[in-house]
Protein backbone atom coordinates (compact mmCIF):
# COMPACT_ATOMS: atom_id res chain seq x y z
CA MET A 1 -18.97 -9.38 55.28
CA LYS A 2 -21.62 -11.71 53.82
CA LEU A 3 -21.21 -15.48 53.95
CA ARG A 4 -20.84 -15.79 50.20
CA ASN A 5 -18.00 -13.24 50.17
CA ILE A 6 -16.18 -15.19 52.88
CA LEU A 7 -16.65 -18.41 50.89
CA LEU A 8 -15.36 -16.91 47.66
CA ALA A 9 -12.35 -15.41 49.41
CA ALA A 10 -11.54 -18.78 50.99
CA THR A 11 -11.87 -20.48 47.61
CA VAL A 12 -9.45 -18.04 46.00
CA PHE A 13 -6.99 -18.67 48.84
CA VAL A 14 -7.22 -22.48 48.92
CA ALA A 15 -7.23 -23.15 45.16
CA PRO A 16 -3.51 -22.30 44.64
CA LEU A 17 -2.61 -24.63 47.53
CA ALA A 18 -4.56 -27.45 45.94
CA LEU A 19 -2.92 -26.94 42.56
CA SER A 20 0.55 -26.69 44.11
CA GLY A 21 0.19 -30.07 45.81
CA VAL A 22 0.28 -28.75 49.40
CA ALA A 23 -2.97 -30.60 50.02
CA LYS A 24 -3.08 -34.30 49.33
CA ALA A 25 -5.98 -35.33 47.08
CA GLN A 26 -8.60 -37.91 47.87
CA PRO A 27 -8.31 -40.46 45.04
CA VAL A 28 -11.81 -40.38 43.48
CA ASN A 29 -11.01 -42.26 40.31
CA GLY A 30 -13.58 -42.87 37.58
CA VAL A 31 -17.27 -42.28 37.08
CA TYR A 32 -19.52 -41.18 39.94
CA VAL A 33 -23.07 -39.94 40.47
CA ALA A 34 -24.31 -37.54 43.11
CA GLY A 35 -27.49 -35.91 44.30
CA GLY A 36 -28.75 -33.70 47.08
CA MET A 37 -31.57 -31.52 48.33
CA GLY A 38 -31.91 -28.72 50.78
CA TYR A 39 -32.83 -25.14 51.56
CA ASN A 40 -32.47 -22.16 49.25
CA ILE A 41 -32.27 -18.49 50.20
CA ASN A 42 -32.80 -15.93 47.46
CA ASP A 43 -31.16 -12.61 48.31
CA GLY A 44 -33.83 -10.67 46.42
CA ILE A 45 -33.86 -9.23 42.92
CA SER A 46 -33.77 -5.57 42.01
CA GLY A 47 -35.23 -4.39 38.75
CA THR A 48 -37.02 -1.70 36.79
CA GLY A 49 -40.64 -1.75 35.68
CA TYR A 50 -41.84 0.11 32.56
CA LEU A 51 -45.47 1.16 32.19
CA GLY A 52 -46.37 3.38 29.27
CA GLY A 53 -43.80 6.13 29.11
CA GLY A 54 -42.76 5.88 32.76
CA SER A 55 -40.53 3.60 34.80
CA ALA A 56 -39.93 2.79 38.45
CA GLY A 57 -37.30 0.84 40.32
CA GLY A 58 -38.14 -1.81 42.86
CA ASN A 59 -36.95 -4.89 44.68
CA LEU A 60 -38.49 -8.37 44.99
CA SER A 61 -37.98 -10.34 48.22
CA PHE A 62 -38.58 -14.07 48.70
CA HIS A 63 -39.40 -16.62 51.33
CA GLY A 64 -36.92 -19.42 51.90
CA GLY A 65 -37.45 -22.31 49.54
CA PHE A 66 -36.35 -25.69 48.20
CA THR A 67 -33.42 -26.79 46.05
CA GLY A 68 -32.36 -30.10 44.55
CA ILE A 69 -29.45 -31.22 42.36
CA ALA A 70 -28.31 -34.31 40.47
CA SER A 71 -24.98 -34.79 38.74
CA VAL A 72 -22.76 -37.27 36.97
CA GLY A 73 -19.01 -36.79 36.97
CA TYR A 74 -15.55 -38.21 36.55
CA GLY A 75 -12.64 -38.19 39.00
CA PHE A 76 -9.07 -38.26 37.71
CA GLY A 77 -7.57 -39.90 40.79
CA ASN A 78 -5.56 -36.81 41.76
CA GLY A 79 -8.33 -34.88 43.51
CA ILE A 80 -9.65 -33.14 40.40
CA ARG A 81 -13.22 -33.91 39.34
CA VAL A 82 -15.44 -32.61 36.55
CA GLU A 83 -19.19 -33.06 36.44
CA LEU A 84 -22.39 -32.19 34.62
CA GLU A 85 -25.12 -31.02 37.00
CA GLY A 86 -28.83 -30.37 36.76
CA ASP A 87 -30.47 -28.19 39.41
CA TYR A 88 -33.84 -26.90 40.54
CA LEU A 89 -34.65 -23.99 42.89
CA GLU A 90 -38.04 -22.79 44.05
CA ASN A 91 -38.94 -19.83 46.24
CA SER A 92 -42.27 -18.14 46.96
CA LEU A 93 -42.38 -14.37 46.51
CA ASN A 94 -42.83 -12.27 49.62
CA LYS A 95 -42.95 -8.53 48.91
CA VAL A 96 -42.16 -5.96 46.28
CA LYS A 97 -40.69 -2.63 47.39
CA PHE A 98 -40.93 0.48 45.24
CA GLY A 99 -41.24 4.24 45.74
CA GLY A 100 -40.60 4.04 49.46
CA GLY A 101 -43.43 1.57 50.07
CA SER A 102 -44.05 -2.15 49.76
CA THR A 103 -46.85 -4.55 49.02
CA GLY A 104 -47.32 -8.29 49.25
CA VAL A 105 -46.78 -10.51 46.22
CA SER A 106 -48.06 -14.01 45.47
CA GLY A 107 -46.52 -16.48 43.09
CA LYS A 108 -43.32 -18.46 42.74
CA ASP A 109 -39.84 -18.21 41.28
CA GLN A 110 -39.04 -21.61 39.74
CA THR A 111 -35.47 -21.85 38.44
CA TYR A 112 -33.90 -24.85 36.71
CA GLY A 113 -31.01 -25.57 34.40
CA GLY A 114 -27.53 -27.02 34.30
CA PHE A 115 -23.90 -26.36 35.17
CA VAL A 116 -20.54 -27.75 34.13
CA ASN A 117 -18.47 -27.92 37.32
CA ALA A 118 -14.82 -28.45 38.21
CA LEU A 119 -14.01 -29.48 41.78
CA TYR A 120 -11.02 -30.40 43.91
CA ASP A 121 -11.10 -32.84 46.84
CA LEU A 122 -8.78 -32.15 49.77
CA ASP A 123 -7.23 -34.68 52.12
CA VAL A 124 -6.88 -33.07 55.54
CA GLY A 125 -5.40 -36.17 57.15
CA SER A 126 -8.68 -37.67 58.37
CA PRO A 127 -10.27 -40.82 56.89
CA TYR A 128 -13.67 -39.58 58.06
CA VAL A 129 -14.08 -36.29 56.19
CA TYR A 130 -12.85 -34.82 52.88
CA PRO A 131 -13.52 -31.13 52.13
CA TYR A 132 -13.90 -30.04 48.52
CA ILE A 133 -14.18 -26.75 46.65
CA GLY A 134 -15.09 -25.85 43.12
CA GLY A 135 -17.15 -23.81 40.75
CA GLY A 136 -19.19 -24.01 37.60
CA VAL A 137 -20.67 -22.17 34.64
CA GLY A 138 -24.08 -22.86 33.21
CA TYR A 139 -27.47 -21.72 32.03
CA GLN A 140 -30.60 -21.22 34.13
CA GLU A 141 -34.25 -20.82 33.18
CA VAL A 142 -35.85 -18.43 35.65
CA GLY A 143 -39.62 -18.75 35.64
CA PHE A 144 -42.01 -16.41 37.46
CA LYS A 145 -45.21 -18.41 37.90
CA ASN A 146 -48.55 -16.79 38.64
CA VAL A 147 -47.01 -13.66 40.10
CA SER A 148 -49.67 -11.16 41.17
CA SER A 149 -49.67 -7.93 43.15
CA SER A 150 -52.14 -5.01 43.19
CA GLY A 151 -53.35 -5.56 39.64
CA PHE A 152 -49.92 -6.53 38.24
CA THR A 153 -49.58 -10.06 36.86
CA LEU A 154 -46.59 -11.94 35.44
CA ASN A 155 -46.27 -15.51 34.20
CA GLN A 156 -43.15 -16.00 32.07
CA THR A 157 -39.83 -17.87 31.92
CA ASN A 158 -36.55 -16.52 30.57
CA GLY A 159 -33.05 -17.96 30.49
CA SER A 160 -29.72 -16.47 31.55
CA PHE A 161 -26.13 -17.54 31.95
CA ALA A 162 -25.02 -18.25 35.51
CA VAL A 163 -21.99 -19.09 37.63
CA GLN A 164 -21.68 -20.82 40.96
CA GLY A 165 -19.16 -21.44 43.73
CA ILE A 166 -19.21 -24.71 45.69
CA ALA A 167 -17.81 -25.72 49.07
CA GLY A 168 -18.59 -29.03 50.72
CA LEU A 169 -17.65 -31.90 52.98
CA ALA A 170 -17.76 -35.58 52.02
CA PHE A 171 -18.06 -38.25 54.70
CA PRO A 172 -17.12 -41.76 53.41
CA ILE A 173 -19.59 -44.47 54.44
CA SER A 174 -17.13 -47.29 55.03
CA PRO A 175 -19.54 -50.27 54.90
CA ILE A 176 -20.37 -49.37 51.27
CA PRO A 177 -17.17 -48.76 49.23
CA GLY A 178 -17.48 -45.66 47.04
CA LEU A 179 -20.45 -44.15 48.92
CA SER A 180 -20.13 -40.82 50.74
CA ALA A 181 -22.57 -38.50 52.46
CA THR A 182 -22.18 -34.82 51.53
CA LEU A 183 -22.89 -31.40 53.00
CA GLU A 184 -22.68 -28.48 50.56
CA TYR A 185 -23.01 -24.73 50.25
CA ARG A 186 -23.57 -23.26 46.77
CA PHE A 187 -23.51 -19.60 45.81
CA ILE A 188 -25.36 -19.09 42.51
CA ASP A 189 -25.32 -15.85 40.54
CA ILE A 190 -27.76 -15.68 37.60
CA PHE A 191 -26.68 -12.81 35.35
CA ASN A 192 -28.86 -9.74 34.94
CA GLY A 193 -30.55 -8.33 31.86
CA SER A 194 -33.60 -10.58 31.52
CA HIS A 195 -36.83 -8.92 30.37
CA TYR A 196 -40.27 -10.14 31.42
CA ASN A 197 -43.59 -9.04 29.99
CA GLY A 198 -46.67 -8.83 32.18
CA SER A 199 -49.80 -6.76 32.48
CA TYR A 200 -51.29 -4.15 34.76
CA ASN A 201 -55.04 -4.23 35.22
CA PRO A 202 -56.35 -1.66 37.68
CA LEU A 203 -60.09 -1.73 38.30
CA ILE A 204 -60.78 1.57 36.60
CA THR A 205 -59.05 0.94 33.27
CA ALA A 206 -58.38 -1.86 30.81
CA ALA A 207 -55.28 -4.00 31.21
CA VAL A 208 -52.09 -2.46 29.81
CA PRO A 209 -48.76 -4.17 29.01
CA VAL A 210 -45.95 -3.91 31.53
CA SER A 211 -42.25 -4.68 30.96
CA VAL A 212 -39.83 -5.61 33.74
CA LYS A 213 -36.05 -5.77 33.52
CA LEU A 214 -34.39 -7.70 36.37
CA ASN A 215 -30.86 -7.45 37.72
CA ASN A 216 -28.68 -10.26 39.14
CA ASP A 217 -30.53 -13.13 40.82
CA ILE A 218 -28.43 -14.33 43.80
CA ASN A 219 -29.15 -17.65 45.57
CA ASN A 220 -27.55 -19.36 48.56
CA SER A 221 -28.20 -23.12 48.69
CA PHE A 222 -27.50 -25.49 51.57
CA LEU A 223 -27.76 -29.20 50.69
CA VAL A 224 -27.32 -32.67 52.09
CA GLY A 225 -26.79 -35.55 49.72
CA LEU A 226 -25.01 -38.71 48.64
CA ARG A 227 -22.24 -39.41 46.16
CA TYR A 228 -21.38 -42.83 44.77
CA ALA A 229 -18.16 -43.60 42.91
CA PHE A 230 -18.25 -46.72 40.75
CA GLY A 231 -15.56 -49.37 40.82
CA VAL A 232 -14.20 -48.70 44.30
CA ALA A 233 -12.69 -51.89 45.71
CA PRO A 234 -13.45 -52.82 49.31
CA ALA A 235 -10.71 -52.01 51.78
CA ALA A 236 -8.28 -54.89 52.17
CA LEU A 237 -8.92 -56.91 55.27
CA PRO A 238 -6.04 -57.15 57.68
CA PRO A 239 -4.25 -60.48 57.38
CA ALA A 240 -5.56 -63.12 59.70
CA PRO A 241 -3.20 -63.78 62.55
CA ALA A 242 -1.08 -66.82 61.98
CA PRO A 243 -2.36 -69.77 63.96
CA MET A 244 -0.34 -70.39 67.04
CA ALA A 245 1.89 -73.36 66.57
CA ALA A 246 1.19 -76.19 68.91
CA PRO A 247 3.96 -76.52 71.42
CA ALA A 248 6.46 -79.10 70.39
CA PRO A 249 6.10 -82.26 72.40
CA ALA A 250 8.72 -82.69 75.05
CA PRO A 251 11.44 -85.09 73.92
CA ALA A 252 11.07 -88.58 75.28
CA LYS A 253 13.35 -89.21 78.19
CA THR A 254 15.37 -92.43 78.03
CA TYR A 255 17.08 -94.43 80.79
CA LEU A 256 19.56 -97.26 80.10
CA VAL A 257 19.87 -100.27 82.44
CA PHE A 258 22.83 -102.62 81.71
CA PHE A 259 23.19 -106.31 82.54
CA ASP A 260 25.98 -108.79 83.02
CA TRP A 261 26.56 -111.41 80.34
CA ASN A 262 23.74 -113.96 80.12
CA LYS A 263 22.02 -112.41 83.20
CA PHE A 264 18.65 -110.67 83.77
CA ASN A 265 19.00 -109.91 87.46
CA LEU A 266 19.39 -106.24 88.44
CA THR A 267 22.65 -104.77 89.68
CA PRO A 268 22.60 -102.06 92.40
CA ARG A 269 23.31 -99.45 89.75
CA ALA A 270 20.46 -100.77 87.63
CA THR A 271 18.07 -100.54 90.62
CA GLN A 272 19.15 -96.92 91.19
CA ILE A 273 18.49 -95.95 87.54
CA ILE A 274 15.06 -97.64 87.61
CA ALA A 275 14.14 -95.70 90.76
CA GLU A 276 15.06 -92.43 89.03
CA ALA A 277 12.87 -93.33 86.04
CA ALA A 278 9.96 -94.20 88.33
CA GLU A 279 10.26 -90.90 90.22
CA ASP A 280 10.49 -88.85 87.02
CA SER A 281 7.39 -90.54 85.63
CA LYS A 282 5.41 -89.25 88.61
CA THR A 283 6.52 -85.61 88.27
CA THR A 284 6.05 -85.25 84.49
CA LYS A 285 3.08 -85.83 82.20
CA VAL A 286 3.88 -89.42 81.28
CA THR A 287 1.25 -91.69 79.78
CA THR A 288 3.42 -94.71 78.92
CA LEU A 289 6.75 -96.16 79.98
CA ASN A 290 8.16 -98.26 77.15
CA VAL A 291 10.45 -100.94 78.58
CA SER A 292 12.49 -102.62 75.83
CA GLY A 293 15.03 -105.43 76.38
CA TYR A 294 18.09 -106.24 74.19
CA THR A 295 21.06 -108.65 74.14
CA ASP A 296 24.44 -108.88 72.49
CA THR A 297 25.12 -111.30 69.60
CA SER A 298 26.51 -114.12 71.67
CA GLY A 299 24.09 -117.06 71.82
CA THR A 300 21.43 -118.05 69.38
CA PRO A 301 18.82 -115.58 68.15
CA THR A 302 16.02 -117.59 69.76
CA TYR A 303 17.74 -117.70 73.11
CA ASN A 304 18.59 -113.99 72.91
CA GLN A 305 14.97 -113.09 72.15
CA GLY A 306 13.80 -114.85 75.33
CA LEU A 307 16.62 -113.28 77.38
CA SER A 308 15.69 -109.78 76.21
CA ILE A 309 12.08 -110.30 77.34
CA ARG A 310 13.20 -111.59 80.76
CA ARG A 311 15.40 -108.52 81.21
CA ALA A 312 12.49 -106.19 80.27
CA LYS A 313 10.16 -107.98 82.71
CA ALA A 314 12.72 -107.65 85.51
CA VAL A 315 12.91 -103.90 84.96
CA ALA A 316 9.12 -103.59 84.74
CA ALA A 317 8.71 -105.48 88.03
CA GLN A 318 11.11 -103.07 89.74
CA LEU A 319 9.24 -100.07 88.29
CA MET A 320 6.01 -101.35 89.78
CA THR A 321 7.82 -101.88 93.09
CA ASP A 322 8.83 -98.22 92.86
CA GLY A 323 5.20 -97.11 92.42
CA VAL A 324 4.59 -97.08 88.66
CA PRO A 325 1.15 -98.50 87.76
CA ALA A 326 1.33 -101.65 85.64
CA ALA A 327 -1.14 -100.09 83.17
CA GLU A 328 1.42 -97.46 82.27
CA ILE A 329 4.17 -99.99 81.43
CA SER A 330 4.59 -101.49 77.95
CA ILE A 331 7.09 -104.40 77.69
CA HIS A 332 9.02 -105.30 74.53
CA GLY A 333 11.85 -107.72 73.70
CA TYR A 334 14.08 -107.28 70.64
CA GLY A 335 16.82 -109.87 71.25
CA GLU A 336 20.04 -109.14 69.38
CA THR A 337 18.42 -106.64 66.97
CA HIS A 338 18.88 -102.87 67.29
CA LEU A 339 22.43 -103.10 68.60
CA LEU A 340 23.67 -100.04 70.42
CA VAL A 341 27.22 -100.91 69.35
CA PRO A 342 27.30 -102.69 65.97
CA THR A 343 29.24 -106.01 66.14
CA GLY A 344 29.51 -109.23 64.30
CA PRO A 345 27.86 -112.47 65.49
CA GLY A 346 29.00 -114.18 68.69
CA VAL A 347 30.42 -110.96 70.24
CA ARG A 348 29.98 -110.23 73.97
CA GLU A 349 29.40 -106.44 73.98
CA PRO A 350 28.36 -104.96 77.38
CA GLN A 351 26.65 -101.89 75.78
CA ASN A 352 24.28 -104.19 73.89
CA ARG A 353 23.15 -106.08 77.02
CA ARG A 354 20.59 -103.49 78.13
CA VAL A 355 17.00 -102.43 78.80
CA GLU A 356 15.82 -99.01 77.60
CA ILE A 357 13.15 -97.20 79.63
CA VAL A 358 11.49 -94.50 77.54
CA LEU A 359 9.06 -92.06 79.21
CA ASN A 360 6.33 -90.91 76.75
């Protein structure tokens, strides 16, 4: 079975699946342009030549040649596309066979025209390739240019209706939204019935008119190309990862050292608490030890301010004795302000007679 027959059979099989929604469509939505070029194989053309009152059948064969296409189309966003295409095919003639023999032929077959195509894009589950199938109807001008063989000459162009089947693969080019590379096969059948008029000029007689009627002109085109769809938005970038939150600073650790009324000397319990603070400052990342002294509300504010500073200095001296560098100690005195237990004036409250050691 020839390649074109396999292609047409596959098209007939796949088209109902596309229309039924089994295949998911690539969303080409809006106007696009496309173009391609490649290699064309003409299957050969059979025909009948008429000279005077006689006729003879024969067959033209061709060398492989060139093809190029350009099209503009519209995608409906559901996989269906329609387009208007212009094409060009060129093949050099090879031989003409008739009456059991053959002879070489020079000249070219230059074919050009247009098609109206309908296509369907298929999503096969890969973001890298999208197959598509389709077909078209159109009109082709088939021109035989400077054809010559054994005294026969032909140089004429005639037009015929044509149909084509299309199968291809599109490969999206992700850095350029809307752009795809394409690989295509096209089977083109130019209908038969065209008549061409030439002449036959053997050496022994004057030239006489010759008429040729050609049958179907079959071409197989293989193309590579590009397609660009307008208005395709770039793919959304993934959201930037949220910045890592800085670790919350460790809560400041506080130690309370209490004093007897109107005293700033350290009790044994106070010395023990100061030693714990000094040890903890060595095993944690501490930059400053804030040492703040306070008093209760008994006594005058001025006296209490001085007493609070003396208490803070006593604690700081013990911290240094326990190995804390003096540069890391910050001393403050707040007198009877910032009461731990709110009281009225002149009240002896043990909880307010204190020094707070805060490790920062």
